[in-house]
N, C-alpha and C. Protein backbone atom coordinates (compact mmCIF):
# COMPACT_ATOMS: atom_id res chain seq x y z
N UNK A 1 131.41 110.64 119.51
CA UNK A 1 130.25 109.90 118.98
C UNK A 1 130.17 108.53 119.61
N UNK A 2 130.37 108.46 120.90
CA UNK A 2 130.34 107.18 121.59
C UNK A 2 129.02 106.96 122.30
N UNK A 3 127.94 107.06 121.55
CA UNK A 3 126.63 106.82 122.13
C UNK A 3 125.98 105.63 121.44
N UNK A 4 124.97 105.09 122.07
CA UNK A 4 124.19 104.01 121.47
C UNK A 4 122.71 104.34 121.70
N UNK A 5 122.20 105.33 120.93
CA UNK A 5 120.82 105.79 121.15
C UNK A 5 119.79 104.76 120.68
N UNK A 6 118.56 105.01 121.04
CA UNK A 6 117.46 104.10 120.69
C UNK A 6 117.31 103.97 119.18
N UNK A 7 117.68 104.99 118.43
CA UNK A 7 117.55 104.94 116.97
C UNK A 7 118.51 103.92 116.35
N UNK A 8 119.53 103.49 117.09
CA UNK A 8 120.48 102.51 116.59
C UNK A 8 120.20 101.10 117.11
N UNK A 9 119.14 100.94 117.87
CA UNK A 9 118.81 99.62 118.43
C UNK A 9 117.87 98.89 117.49
N UNK A 10 118.14 97.64 117.27
CA UNK A 10 117.31 96.81 116.42
C UNK A 10 116.20 96.21 117.29
N UNK A 11 114.96 96.64 117.06
CA UNK A 11 113.85 96.20 117.89
C UNK A 11 112.73 95.55 117.09
N UNK A 12 112.71 95.74 115.78
CA UNK A 12 111.63 95.24 114.95
C UNK A 12 111.71 93.71 114.81
N UNK A 13 110.64 93.04 115.19
CA UNK A 13 110.64 91.57 115.09
C UNK A 13 110.71 91.12 113.64
N UNK A 14 110.16 91.90 112.72
CA UNK A 14 110.23 91.54 111.30
C UNK A 14 111.67 91.61 110.81
N UNK A 15 112.40 92.65 111.22
CA UNK A 15 113.79 92.78 110.81
C UNK A 15 114.65 91.68 111.43
N UNK A 16 114.38 91.33 112.69
CA UNK A 16 115.14 90.28 113.35
C UNK A 16 114.87 88.94 112.68
N UNK A 17 113.62 88.68 112.33
CA UNK A 17 113.27 87.45 111.62
C UNK A 17 113.96 87.40 110.26
N UNK A 18 114.01 88.54 109.56
CA UNK A 18 114.68 88.60 108.26
C UNK A 18 116.18 88.31 108.41
N UNK A 19 116.77 88.72 109.52
CA UNK A 19 118.18 88.43 109.76
C UNK A 19 118.43 86.93 109.78
N UNK A 20 117.52 86.18 110.40
CA UNK A 20 117.71 84.74 110.50
C UNK A 20 117.41 84.03 109.20
N UNK A 21 116.49 84.55 108.39
CA UNK A 21 116.15 83.88 107.14
C UNK A 21 117.06 84.29 105.99
N UNK A 22 117.40 85.57 105.88
CA UNK A 22 118.15 86.07 104.73
C UNK A 22 119.58 86.49 105.07
N UNK A 23 119.86 86.71 106.34
CA UNK A 23 121.15 87.26 106.72
C UNK A 23 122.30 86.27 106.65
N UNK A 24 123.50 86.82 106.67
CA UNK A 24 124.72 86.03 106.70
C UNK A 24 125.22 85.99 108.13
N UNK A 25 126.16 85.09 108.40
CA UNK A 25 126.69 85.04 109.76
C UNK A 25 128.20 84.97 109.73
N UNK A 26 128.78 85.44 110.82
CA UNK A 26 130.22 85.36 111.05
C UNK A 26 130.40 84.96 112.50
N UNK A 27 131.42 84.17 112.77
CA UNK A 27 131.60 83.69 114.13
C UNK A 27 133.04 83.86 114.57
N UNK A 28 133.18 84.30 115.79
CA UNK A 28 134.46 84.35 116.47
C UNK A 28 134.16 83.89 117.89
N UNK A 29 134.31 82.57 118.12
CA UNK A 29 133.83 81.99 119.36
C UNK A 29 134.28 82.80 120.55
N UNK A 30 133.39 83.10 121.46
CA UNK A 30 132.00 82.67 121.63
C UNK A 30 130.96 83.68 121.13
N UNK A 31 131.33 84.50 120.17
CA UNK A 31 130.40 85.52 119.67
C UNK A 31 130.00 85.20 118.24
N UNK A 32 128.70 85.22 117.99
CA UNK A 32 128.16 84.99 116.66
C UNK A 32 127.51 86.28 116.20
N UNK A 33 127.76 86.65 114.95
CA UNK A 33 127.17 87.87 114.41
C UNK A 33 126.34 87.51 113.18
N UNK A 34 125.05 87.87 113.21
CA UNK A 34 124.18 87.74 112.04
C UNK A 34 124.02 89.14 111.48
N UNK A 35 124.12 89.29 110.17
CA UNK A 35 124.04 90.63 109.59
C UNK A 35 123.46 90.57 108.19
N UNK A 36 122.90 91.70 107.78
CA UNK A 36 122.43 91.86 106.41
C UNK A 36 122.34 93.34 106.11
N UNK A 37 122.61 93.73 104.86
CA UNK A 37 122.46 95.14 104.49
C UNK A 37 120.98 95.51 104.48
N UNK A 38 120.69 96.76 104.81
CA UNK A 38 119.30 97.21 104.85
C UNK A 38 119.21 98.69 104.54
N UNK A 39 118.03 99.12 104.16
CA UNK A 39 117.77 100.53 103.87
C UNK A 39 117.34 101.23 105.16
N UNK A 40 118.31 101.56 105.99
CA UNK A 40 118.05 102.25 107.25
C UNK A 40 118.98 103.46 107.35
N UNK A 41 118.65 104.39 108.23
CA UNK A 41 119.45 105.60 108.41
C UNK A 41 120.84 105.29 108.96
N UNK A 42 120.88 104.46 110.01
CA UNK A 42 122.14 104.09 110.65
C UNK A 42 122.18 102.59 110.84
N UNK A 43 123.34 102.08 111.19
CA UNK A 43 123.43 100.66 111.53
C UNK A 43 122.54 100.41 112.72
N UNK A 44 121.87 99.25 112.75
CA UNK A 44 121.04 98.89 113.89
C UNK A 44 121.55 97.58 114.46
N UNK A 45 121.66 97.51 115.78
CA UNK A 45 122.23 96.33 116.42
C UNK A 45 121.33 95.83 117.55
N UNK A 46 121.37 94.52 117.75
CA UNK A 46 120.66 93.88 118.85
C UNK A 46 121.61 92.85 119.47
N UNK A 47 121.31 92.45 120.69
CA UNK A 47 122.19 91.56 121.44
C UNK A 47 121.37 90.49 122.11
N UNK A 48 121.86 89.23 122.10
CA UNK A 48 121.12 88.12 122.68
C UNK A 48 122.08 87.18 123.41
N UNK A 49 121.55 86.59 124.48
CA UNK A 49 122.30 85.60 125.25
C UNK A 49 121.34 84.45 125.55
N UNK A 50 121.81 83.23 125.37
CA UNK A 50 120.97 82.05 125.53
C UNK A 50 120.65 81.77 127.00
N UNK A 51 119.39 81.48 127.23
CA UNK A 51 118.96 81.10 128.57
C UNK A 51 119.50 79.72 128.93
N UNK A 52 119.79 78.93 127.92
CA UNK A 52 120.34 77.59 128.14
C UNK A 52 121.71 77.67 128.78
N UNK A 53 122.52 78.66 128.37
CA UNK A 53 123.88 78.77 128.89
C UNK A 53 123.97 79.58 130.18
N UNK A 54 123.05 80.51 130.37
CA UNK A 54 123.04 81.34 131.58
C UNK A 54 121.64 81.27 132.20
N UNK A 55 121.49 80.45 133.20
CA UNK A 55 120.17 80.27 133.83
C UNK A 55 119.72 81.54 134.55
N UNK A 56 120.67 82.25 135.13
CA UNK A 56 120.36 83.44 135.91
C UNK A 56 120.16 84.65 135.00
N UNK A 57 119.04 85.33 135.16
CA UNK A 57 118.76 86.53 134.36
C UNK A 57 119.79 87.62 134.65
N UNK A 58 120.31 87.65 135.85
CA UNK A 58 121.32 88.64 136.22
C UNK A 58 122.56 88.46 135.34
N UNK A 59 122.98 87.20 135.16
CA UNK A 59 124.15 86.93 134.33
C UNK A 59 123.88 87.23 132.85
N UNK A 60 122.70 86.85 132.36
CA UNK A 60 122.35 87.14 130.97
C UNK A 60 122.36 88.64 130.70
N UNK A 61 121.76 89.39 131.61
CA UNK A 61 121.71 90.84 131.44
C UNK A 61 123.10 91.46 131.53
N UNK A 62 123.95 90.91 132.36
CA UNK A 62 125.32 91.43 132.46
C UNK A 62 126.07 91.22 131.15
N UNK A 63 125.94 90.05 130.56
CA UNK A 63 126.62 89.77 129.29
C UNK A 63 126.09 90.71 128.21
N UNK A 64 124.78 90.94 128.18
CA UNK A 64 124.21 91.84 127.18
C UNK A 64 124.70 93.28 127.40
N UNK A 65 124.80 93.70 128.65
CA UNK A 65 125.33 95.04 128.93
C UNK A 65 126.77 95.17 128.46
N UNK A 66 127.56 94.14 128.70
CA UNK A 66 128.96 94.15 128.27
C UNK A 66 129.06 94.17 126.74
N UNK A 67 128.20 93.42 126.07
CA UNK A 67 128.23 93.41 124.60
C UNK A 67 127.82 94.77 124.05
N UNK A 68 126.80 95.39 124.64
CA UNK A 68 126.39 96.73 124.19
C UNK A 68 127.51 97.73 124.38
N UNK A 69 128.20 97.65 125.50
CA UNK A 69 129.30 98.57 125.78
C UNK A 69 130.45 98.34 124.80
N UNK A 70 130.79 97.09 124.53
CA UNK A 70 131.86 96.79 123.57
C UNK A 70 131.48 97.30 122.18
N UNK A 71 130.23 97.13 121.78
CA UNK A 71 129.78 97.63 120.48
C UNK A 71 129.85 99.15 120.44
N UNK A 72 129.40 99.79 121.50
CA UNK A 72 129.39 101.25 121.56
C UNK A 72 130.80 101.80 121.41
N UNK A 73 131.77 101.15 122.04
CA UNK A 73 133.15 101.63 122.00
C UNK A 73 133.82 101.35 120.65
N UNK A 74 133.41 100.30 119.96
CA UNK A 74 134.10 99.88 118.73
C UNK A 74 133.36 100.23 117.45
N UNK A 75 132.14 100.70 117.54
CA UNK A 75 131.35 100.92 116.32
C UNK A 75 131.90 102.06 115.46
N UNK A 76 132.62 102.98 116.03
CA UNK A 76 133.17 104.09 115.29
C UNK A 76 134.11 103.67 114.17
N UNK A 77 134.75 102.51 114.33
CA UNK A 77 135.69 102.04 113.33
C UNK A 77 135.00 101.62 112.04
N UNK A 78 133.76 101.18 112.11
CA UNK A 78 133.10 100.72 110.89
C UNK A 78 131.93 101.61 110.49
N UNK A 79 131.70 102.71 111.17
CA UNK A 79 130.62 103.63 110.82
C UNK A 79 130.85 104.29 109.47
N UNK A 80 132.08 104.29 109.00
CA UNK A 80 132.41 104.99 107.76
C UNK A 80 131.96 104.23 106.51
N UNK A 81 131.56 102.96 106.65
CA UNK A 81 131.15 102.19 105.48
C UNK A 81 129.89 102.79 104.88
N UNK A 82 129.77 102.70 103.57
CA UNK A 82 128.63 103.31 102.89
C UNK A 82 127.35 102.49 103.10
N UNK A 83 127.49 101.18 103.16
CA UNK A 83 126.31 100.33 103.37
C UNK A 83 125.89 100.38 104.84
N UNK A 84 124.60 100.24 105.07
CA UNK A 84 124.07 100.18 106.43
C UNK A 84 123.59 98.77 106.70
N UNK A 85 123.84 98.30 107.92
CA UNK A 85 123.54 96.91 108.26
C UNK A 85 122.60 96.79 109.44
N UNK A 86 121.86 95.68 109.43
CA UNK A 86 121.16 95.20 110.62
C UNK A 86 122.06 94.13 111.20
N UNK A 87 122.34 94.20 112.49
CA UNK A 87 123.30 93.29 113.10
C UNK A 87 122.70 92.70 114.37
N UNK A 88 122.89 91.40 114.55
CA UNK A 88 122.49 90.72 115.78
C UNK A 88 123.70 89.99 116.32
N UNK A 89 124.09 90.30 117.54
CA UNK A 89 125.20 89.61 118.19
C UNK A 89 124.61 88.61 119.18
N UNK A 90 125.07 87.36 119.09
CA UNK A 90 124.61 86.31 119.99
C UNK A 90 125.82 85.76 120.73
N UNK A 91 125.75 85.78 122.05
CA UNK A 91 126.83 85.23 122.86
C UNK A 91 126.54 83.76 123.10
N UNK A 92 127.44 82.86 122.67
CA UNK A 92 127.17 81.43 122.76
C UNK A 92 128.03 80.72 123.80
N UNK A 93 128.90 81.44 124.49
CA UNK A 93 129.76 80.81 125.50
C UNK A 93 129.00 80.49 126.78
N UNK A 94 129.68 79.78 127.67
CA UNK A 94 129.07 79.40 128.94
C UNK A 94 129.67 80.14 130.14
N UNK A 95 130.77 80.88 129.91
CA UNK A 95 131.43 81.62 130.99
C UNK A 95 131.21 83.12 130.81
N UNK A 96 131.18 83.83 131.95
CA UNK A 96 131.03 85.28 131.89
C UNK A 96 132.28 85.89 131.26
N UNK A 97 132.12 86.70 130.21
CA UNK A 97 133.28 87.31 129.56
C UNK A 97 133.66 88.62 130.25
N UNK A 98 134.84 89.12 129.91
CA UNK A 98 135.24 90.45 130.37
C UNK A 98 134.99 91.43 129.22
N UNK A 99 134.98 92.70 129.54
CA UNK A 99 134.76 93.72 128.52
C UNK A 99 135.87 93.69 127.47
N UNK A 100 137.12 93.50 127.89
CA UNK A 100 138.23 93.48 126.94
C UNK A 100 138.13 92.30 125.97
N UNK A 101 137.71 91.13 126.47
CA UNK A 101 137.52 89.98 125.59
C UNK A 101 136.47 90.29 124.53
N UNK A 102 135.36 90.86 124.96
CA UNK A 102 134.28 91.18 124.02
C UNK A 102 134.71 92.25 123.03
N UNK A 103 135.47 93.22 123.46
CA UNK A 103 135.93 94.27 122.54
C UNK A 103 136.80 93.68 121.43
N UNK A 104 137.70 92.77 121.79
CA UNK A 104 138.56 92.14 120.79
C UNK A 104 137.74 91.33 119.79
N UNK A 105 136.77 90.58 120.30
CA UNK A 105 135.91 89.78 119.42
C UNK A 105 135.07 90.69 118.53
N UNK A 106 134.57 91.77 119.09
CA UNK A 106 133.72 92.71 118.35
C UNK A 106 134.51 93.35 117.21
N UNK A 107 135.75 93.75 117.47
CA UNK A 107 136.58 94.35 116.43
C UNK A 107 136.79 93.35 115.30
N UNK A 108 137.09 92.12 115.67
CA UNK A 108 137.33 91.07 114.68
C UNK A 108 136.10 90.86 113.79
N UNK A 109 134.92 90.84 114.39
CA UNK A 109 133.70 90.62 113.63
C UNK A 109 133.30 91.85 112.80
N UNK A 110 133.44 93.02 113.37
CA UNK A 110 133.04 94.23 112.65
C UNK A 110 133.93 94.51 111.44
N UNK A 111 135.19 94.04 111.49
CA UNK A 111 136.07 94.21 110.34
C UNK A 111 135.55 93.44 109.13
N UNK A 112 134.79 92.39 109.36
CA UNK A 112 134.26 91.59 108.25
C UNK A 112 133.16 92.34 107.51
N UNK A 113 132.59 93.36 108.12
CA UNK A 113 131.53 94.13 107.45
C UNK A 113 132.10 95.15 106.48
N UNK A 114 133.36 95.50 106.63
CA UNK A 114 133.95 96.55 105.79
C UNK A 114 134.21 96.07 104.37
């Protein structure tokens, strides 16, 4: 079950706006996680990287790809929870991370949802 299909992607602007107004946050520098419980079929996740920290779109897209991959590999550990969440991961660092760094941060943050 190591897929990240479109049905698990958070794309609704209303839901993303609700995350910022009503959601809670957890931080493990340089990764910030905004989350809130929601009435959805599966957990939905989105990923963001600041243009201020990464001027090059190539670098921003690389960080987002790495975050998606880290989430895809680690999401199985918290899929068993009964509540379903909307989650937004924001990378706030200024240096390009490695996949292993992001996986460790992702595990640390996802454990807070259990």
